[in-house]
Amino acid sequence: MLRDLAVRRMAARGRVTAYLPEEIQKALEEWAEEESRSISSLATYLLTKAVKERQAQKAKESGRDN
């Protein structure tokens, strides 16, 4: 039952493959280690934050257009 829940949660999430410059990969590895996170968890956090910031900026800009 617990495994079924985990599989459903994973299925509801998107998957992205990224090819990074070596220096960025190393920086992410160090950052993730400092925060006791996986690189995947750190990348999810950073991408989510960036998307939310972009959405807020677009909403602010569209509010000025009206």
C-alpha atoms as a PDB file:
ATOM      1  CA  MET A   1       0.000   0.000   0.000  1.00  0.00           C
ATOM      2  CA  LEU A   2       2.771   2.468   0.906  1.00  0.00           C
ATOM      3  CA  ARG A   3       4.634   1.544  -2.274  1.00  0.00           C
ATOM      4  CA  ASP A   4       1.503   2.215  -4.364  1.00  0.00           C
ATOM      5  CA  LEU A   5       1.233   5.687  -2.833  1.00  0.00           C
ATOM      6  CA  ALA A   6       4.885   6.412  -3.620  1.00  0.00           C
ATOM      7  CA  VAL A   7       4.443   5.256  -7.216  1.00  0.00           C
ATOM      8  CA  ARG A   8       1.368   7.474  -7.657  1.00  0.00           C
ATOM      9  CA  ARG A   9       3.198  10.495  -6.217  1.00  0.00           C
ATOM     10  CA  MET A  10       6.129   9.906  -8.560  1.00  0.00           C
ATOM     11  CA  ALA A  11       3.802   9.528 -11.542  1.00  0.00           C
ATOM     12  CA  ALA A  12       2.241  12.919 -10.761  1.00  0.00           C
ATOM     13  CA  ARG A  13       5.625  14.633 -10.998  1.00  0.00           C
ATOM     14  CA  GLY A  14       7.431  15.653 -14.147  1.00  0.00           C
ATOM     15  CA  ARG A  15      10.893  14.500 -15.062  1.00  0.00           C
ATOM     16  CA  VAL A  16      13.588  16.632 -16.683  1.00  0.00           C
ATOM     17  CA  THR A  17      17.044  15.741 -17.907  1.00  0.00           C
ATOM     18  CA  ALA A  18      19.577  18.555 -17.948  1.00  0.00           C
ATOM     19  CA  TYR A  19      23.111  18.637 -19.293  1.00  0.00           C
ATOM     20  CA  LEU A  20      25.162  21.035 -17.200  1.00  0.00           C
ATOM     21  CA  PRO A  21      28.606  22.521 -17.562  1.00  0.00           C
ATOM     22  CA  GLU A  22      30.998  20.702 -15.254  1.00  0.00           C
ATOM     23  CA  GLU A  23      31.552  23.756 -13.014  1.00  0.00           C
ATOM     24  CA  ILE A  24      27.801  24.144 -12.474  1.00  0.00           C
ATOM     25  CA  GLN A  25      27.452  20.439 -11.674  1.00  0.00           C
ATOM     26  CA  LYS A  26      30.241  20.651  -9.100  1.00  0.00           C
ATOM     27  CA  ALA A  27      28.753  23.796  -7.543  1.00  0.00           C
ATOM     28  CA  LEU A  28      25.351  22.082  -7.245  1.00  0.00           C
ATOM     29  CA  GLU A  29      26.951  18.998  -5.687  1.00  0.00           C
ATOM     30  CA  GLU A  30      28.721  21.143  -3.074  1.00  0.00           C
ATOM     31  CA  TRP A  31      25.582  23.183  -2.361  1.00  0.00           C
ATOM     32  CA  ALA A  32      23.430  20.068  -2.017  1.00  0.00           C
ATOM     33  CA  GLU A  33      25.968  18.469   0.319  1.00  0.00           C
ATOM     34  CA  GLU A  34      26.110  21.603   2.495  1.00  0.00           C
ATOM     35  CA  GLU A  35      22.336  21.468   2.877  1.00  0.00           C
ATOM     36  CA  SER A  36      22.176  17.671   3.274  1.00  0.00           C
ATOM     37  CA  ARG A  37      19.968  17.419   0.185  1.00  0.00           C
ATOM     38  CA  SER A  38      20.141  15.431  -2.990  1.00  0.00           C
ATOM     39  CA  ILE A  39      21.038  17.289  -6.172  1.00  0.00           C
ATOM     40  CA  SER A  40      17.568  16.417  -7.458  1.00  0.00           C
ATOM     41  CA  SER A  41      15.915  17.974  -4.401  1.00  0.00           C
ATOM     42  CA  LEU A  42      18.053  21.100  -4.715  1.00  0.00           C
ATOM     43  CA  ALA A  43      17.307  21.395  -8.437  1.00  0.00           C
ATOM     44  CA  THR A  44      13.576  21.007  -7.768  1.00  0.00           C
ATOM     45  CA  TYR A  45      13.742  23.752  -5.149  1.00  0.00           C
ATOM     46  CA  LEU A  46      15.723  26.125  -7.387  1.00  0.00           C
ATOM     47  CA  LEU A  47      13.565  25.557 -10.461  1.00  0.00           C
ATOM     48  CA  THR A  48      10.336  25.947  -8.476  1.00  0.00           C
ATOM     49  CA  LYS A  49      11.607  29.193  -6.967  1.00  0.00           C
ATOM     50  CA  ALA A  50      12.652  30.521 -10.401  1.00  0.00           C
ATOM     51  CA  VAL A  51       9.283  29.670 -11.982  1.00  0.00           C
ATOM     52  CA  LYS A  52       7.350  31.303  -9.132  1.00  0.00           C
ATOM     53  CA  GLU A  53       9.499  34.440  -9.400  1.00  0.00           C
ATOM     54  CA  ARG A  54       8.930  34.570 -13.168  1.00  0.00           C
ATOM     55  CA  GLN A  55       5.189  34.106 -12.759  1.00  0.00           C
ATOM     56  CA  ALA A  56       5.076  36.899 -10.173  1.00  0.00           C
ATOM     57  CA  GLN A  57       7.069  39.177 -12.472  1.00  0.00           C
ATOM     58  CA  LYS A  58       4.784  38.420 -15.430  1.00  0.00           C
ATOM     59  CA  ALA A  59       1.694  39.068 -13.287  1.00  0.00           C
ATOM     60  CA  LYS A  60       3.175  42.369 -12.136  1.00  0.00           C
ATOM     61  CA  GLU A  61       3.963  43.353 -15.742  1.00  0.00           C
ATOM     62  CA  SER A  62       0.500  42.393 -17.011  1.00  0.00           C
ATOM     63  CA  GLY A  63      -1.053  44.419 -14.194  1.00  0.00           C
ATOM     64  CA  ARG A  64       0.816  47.485 -15.429  1.00  0.00           C
ATOM     65  CA  ASP A  65      -0.470  46.932 -18.973  1.00  0.00           C
ATOM     66  CA  ASN A  66      -4.129  47.223 -17.890  1.00  0.00           C
END
